[in-house]
Structures are given as C-alpha cells and as structure tokens.
Amino acid sequence: MEFEFFFQIALILLSTKLAGDLSVRLGQPSVLGKLIVGIVIGPALLGWIENSELLTQLSNVGVIL
C-alpha cells in the first residue's frame, strides 16, 4: 500500500515536471502541460493514478494552500 502511494506521487511529480517543461518549450504555459498530463495519467484515460483517500486528502491540502 505505501509503496504504491509513493510510486503514484513520484509518477505525478515527474510527469507534471516533464510536461510543464515541454509545454514551455512549445510556447504554451506550463500549467497547460500539467493539466493535460493529469488528465492522461489519471483515472479518466490511462488509469495509472487511482483514486485513493490519501491522494484526495493531499489534493484538498493543496487547494487550501
């Protein structure tokens, strides 16, 4: 369980960083690349990131900050 959570966090951080950098090189805002990769790796398309209670709580903290 814990390994899967840390793998998902690492996948999120790495993929959003790469997508943000790529979109800036293409002349677009970095947030656009991050949003697109979030949709692609999330449960909507590829399903690499599953909905879990811990990720939901972390996302709520991120919204508050």
N, C-alpha and C. Protein backbone atom coordinates (compact mmCIF):
# COMPACT_ATOMS: atom_id res chain seq x y z
N MET A 1 0.83 -1.20 0.00
CA MET A 1 0.00 0.00 0.00
C MET A 1 0.87 1.25 0.00
N GLU A 2 1.83 1.33 0.91
CA GLU A 2 2.66 2.52 1.00
C GLU A 2 3.53 2.68 -0.24
N PHE A 3 4.06 1.56 -0.74
CA PHE A 3 4.90 1.64 -1.93
C PHE A 3 4.10 2.15 -3.12
N GLU A 4 2.88 1.69 -3.26
CA GLU A 4 2.03 2.12 -4.36
C GLU A 4 1.75 3.62 -4.27
N PHE A 5 1.51 4.11 -3.06
CA PHE A 5 1.25 5.54 -2.88
C PHE A 5 2.47 6.36 -3.27
N PHE A 6 3.66 5.96 -2.82
CA PHE A 6 4.87 6.71 -3.15
C PHE A 6 5.19 6.63 -4.64
N PHE A 7 4.89 5.50 -5.25
CA PHE A 7 5.07 5.37 -6.70
C PHE A 7 4.14 6.33 -7.44
N GLN A 8 2.90 6.43 -6.99
CA GLN A 8 1.95 7.34 -7.64
C GLN A 8 2.39 8.79 -7.48
N ILE A 9 2.86 9.16 -6.28
CA ILE A 9 3.34 10.53 -6.06
C ILE A 9 4.54 10.82 -6.96
N ALA A 10 5.48 9.88 -7.04
CA ALA A 10 6.65 10.07 -7.90
C ALA A 10 6.25 10.20 -9.36
N LEU A 11 5.30 9.39 -9.79
CA LEU A 11 4.82 9.46 -11.17
C LEU A 11 4.16 10.80 -11.45
N ILE A 12 3.37 11.28 -10.52
CA ILE A 12 2.71 12.58 -10.68
C ILE A 12 3.74 13.70 -10.78
N LEU A 13 4.69 13.73 -9.86
CA LEU A 13 5.68 14.80 -9.84
C LEU A 13 6.57 14.78 -11.09
N LEU A 14 7.03 13.62 -11.46
CA LEU A 14 7.92 13.52 -12.62
C LEU A 14 7.19 13.86 -13.92
N SER A 15 6.02 13.31 -14.10
CA SER A 15 5.30 13.55 -15.35
C SER A 15 4.84 15.00 -15.48
N THR A 16 4.40 15.61 -14.39
CA THR A 16 3.98 17.01 -14.49
C THR A 16 5.16 17.94 -14.73
N LYS A 17 6.31 17.63 -14.15
CA LYS A 17 7.50 18.44 -14.39
C LYS A 17 7.91 18.37 -15.86
N LEU A 18 7.95 17.16 -16.40
CA LEU A 18 8.34 16.99 -17.80
C LEU A 18 7.32 17.63 -18.75
N ALA A 19 6.05 17.46 -18.46
CA ALA A 19 5.01 18.03 -19.33
C ALA A 19 5.02 19.56 -19.25
N GLY A 20 5.26 20.11 -18.07
CA GLY A 20 5.34 21.56 -17.94
C GLY A 20 6.50 22.13 -18.72
N ASP A 21 7.66 21.48 -18.62
CA ASP A 21 8.84 21.94 -19.37
C ASP A 21 8.61 21.84 -20.88
N LEU A 22 8.00 20.75 -21.30
CA LEU A 22 7.73 20.57 -22.73
C LEU A 22 6.77 21.62 -23.27
N SER A 23 5.74 21.93 -22.50
CA SER A 23 4.78 22.92 -22.98
C SER A 23 5.40 24.32 -23.04
N VAL A 24 6.32 24.64 -22.13
CA VAL A 24 7.01 25.93 -22.19
C VAL A 24 7.88 26.00 -23.44
N ARG A 25 8.55 24.90 -23.77
CA ARG A 25 9.36 24.88 -24.99
C ARG A 25 8.51 25.05 -26.24
N LEU A 26 7.26 24.63 -26.16
CA LEU A 26 6.35 24.79 -27.30
C LEU A 26 5.64 26.14 -27.29
N GLY A 27 5.98 27.00 -26.33
CA GLY A 27 5.41 28.34 -26.28
C GLY A 27 4.08 28.44 -25.57
N GLN A 28 3.75 27.44 -24.79
CA GLN A 28 2.49 27.42 -24.05
C GLN A 28 2.78 27.54 -22.55
N PRO A 29 1.80 27.93 -21.76
CA PRO A 29 2.02 27.98 -20.31
C PRO A 29 2.27 26.58 -19.74
N SER A 30 3.10 26.52 -18.70
CA SER A 30 3.43 25.22 -18.12
C SER A 30 2.22 24.53 -17.52
N VAL A 31 1.28 25.32 -17.02
CA VAL A 31 0.09 24.71 -16.40
C VAL A 31 -0.73 23.94 -17.42
N LEU A 32 -0.67 24.32 -18.68
CA LEU A 32 -1.40 23.59 -19.72
C LEU A 32 -0.87 22.17 -19.87
N GLY A 33 0.44 22.03 -19.91
CA GLY A 33 1.04 20.70 -19.99
C GLY A 33 0.75 19.86 -18.76
N LYS A 34 0.75 20.50 -17.60
CA LYS A 34 0.47 19.77 -16.36
C LYS A 34 -0.98 19.30 -16.31
N LEU A 35 -1.89 20.13 -16.77
CA LEU A 35 -3.29 19.72 -16.81
C LEU A 35 -3.52 18.56 -17.78
N ILE A 36 -2.89 18.66 -18.94
CA ILE A 36 -3.07 17.59 -19.93
C ILE A 36 -2.52 16.27 -19.42
N VAL A 37 -1.33 16.29 -18.84
CA VAL A 37 -0.76 15.03 -18.34
C VAL A 37 -1.56 14.50 -17.15
N GLY A 38 -2.15 15.38 -16.37
CA GLY A 38 -3.00 14.93 -15.27
C GLY A 38 -4.23 14.19 -15.77
N ILE A 39 -4.80 14.69 -16.84
CA ILE A 39 -5.96 14.02 -17.43
C ILE A 39 -5.55 12.68 -18.04
N VAL A 40 -4.39 12.66 -18.69
CA VAL A 40 -3.95 11.44 -19.37
C VAL A 40 -3.61 10.32 -18.39
N ILE A 41 -2.83 10.62 -17.34
CA ILE A 41 -2.41 9.55 -16.43
C ILE A 41 -3.44 9.26 -15.35
N GLY A 42 -4.42 10.11 -15.21
CA GLY A 42 -5.45 9.91 -14.19
C GLY A 42 -6.45 8.84 -14.56
N PRO A 43 -7.45 8.66 -13.71
CA PRO A 43 -8.43 7.60 -13.95
C PRO A 43 -9.28 7.81 -15.20
N ALA A 44 -9.28 9.01 -15.77
CA ALA A 44 -10.11 9.28 -16.94
C ALA A 44 -9.63 8.55 -18.19
N LEU A 45 -8.31 8.46 -18.39
CA LEU A 45 -7.81 7.83 -19.62
C LEU A 45 -6.99 6.57 -19.32
N LEU A 46 -5.73 6.73 -18.93
CA LEU A 46 -4.87 5.57 -18.74
C LEU A 46 -5.11 4.84 -17.41
N GLY A 47 -5.52 5.57 -16.40
CA GLY A 47 -5.79 4.95 -15.11
C GLY A 47 -4.55 4.57 -14.32
N TRP A 48 -3.40 5.20 -14.62
CA TRP A 48 -2.19 4.90 -13.87
C TRP A 48 -2.28 5.40 -12.44
N ILE A 49 -3.03 6.46 -12.22
CA ILE A 49 -3.24 7.00 -10.88
C ILE A 49 -4.67 6.69 -10.48
N GLU A 50 -4.81 5.95 -9.39
CA GLU A 50 -6.14 5.58 -8.92
C GLU A 50 -6.60 6.55 -7.84
N ASN A 51 -7.90 6.67 -7.70
CA ASN A 51 -8.44 7.48 -6.62
C ASN A 51 -8.20 6.77 -5.30
N SER A 52 -7.55 7.44 -4.37
CA SER A 52 -7.35 6.88 -3.04
C SER A 52 -7.65 7.97 -2.02
N GLU A 53 -7.96 7.56 -0.83
CA GLU A 53 -8.31 8.51 0.23
C GLU A 53 -7.13 9.43 0.55
N LEU A 54 -5.92 8.88 0.57
CA LEU A 54 -4.75 9.69 0.90
C LEU A 54 -4.47 10.74 -0.17
N LEU A 55 -4.58 10.37 -1.44
CA LEU A 55 -4.39 11.35 -2.51
C LEU A 55 -5.47 12.43 -2.48
N THR A 56 -6.68 12.05 -2.14
CA THR A 56 -7.77 13.02 -2.02
C THR A 56 -7.48 14.02 -0.91
N GLN A 57 -6.99 13.54 0.22
CA GLN A 57 -6.66 14.43 1.33
C GLN A 57 -5.51 15.36 0.96
N LEU A 58 -4.49 14.83 0.28
CA LEU A 58 -3.38 15.68 -0.15
C LEU A 58 -3.83 16.74 -1.15
N SER A 59 -4.73 16.39 -2.04
CA SER A 59 -5.22 17.37 -3.01
C SER A 59 -6.04 18.45 -2.31
N ASN A 60 -6.77 18.09 -1.28
CA ASN A 60 -7.52 19.10 -0.51
C ASN A 60 -6.58 20.05 0.20
N VAL A 61 -5.48 19.55 0.74
CA VAL A 61 -4.48 20.41 1.37
C VAL A 61 -3.87 21.35 0.34
N GLY A 62 -3.60 20.83 -0.86
CA GLY A 62 -3.06 21.67 -1.92
C GLY A 62 -3.99 22.78 -2.33
N VAL A 63 -5.28 22.52 -2.34
CA VAL A 63 -6.26 23.56 -2.68
C VAL A 63 -6.30 24.62 -1.59
N ILE A 64 -6.21 24.20 -0.35
CA ILE A 64 -6.25 25.15 0.77
C ILE A 64 -5.03 26.06 0.74
N LEU A 65 -3.86 25.49 0.44
CA LEU A 65 -2.64 26.30 0.42
C LEU A 65 -2.65 27.23 -0.78
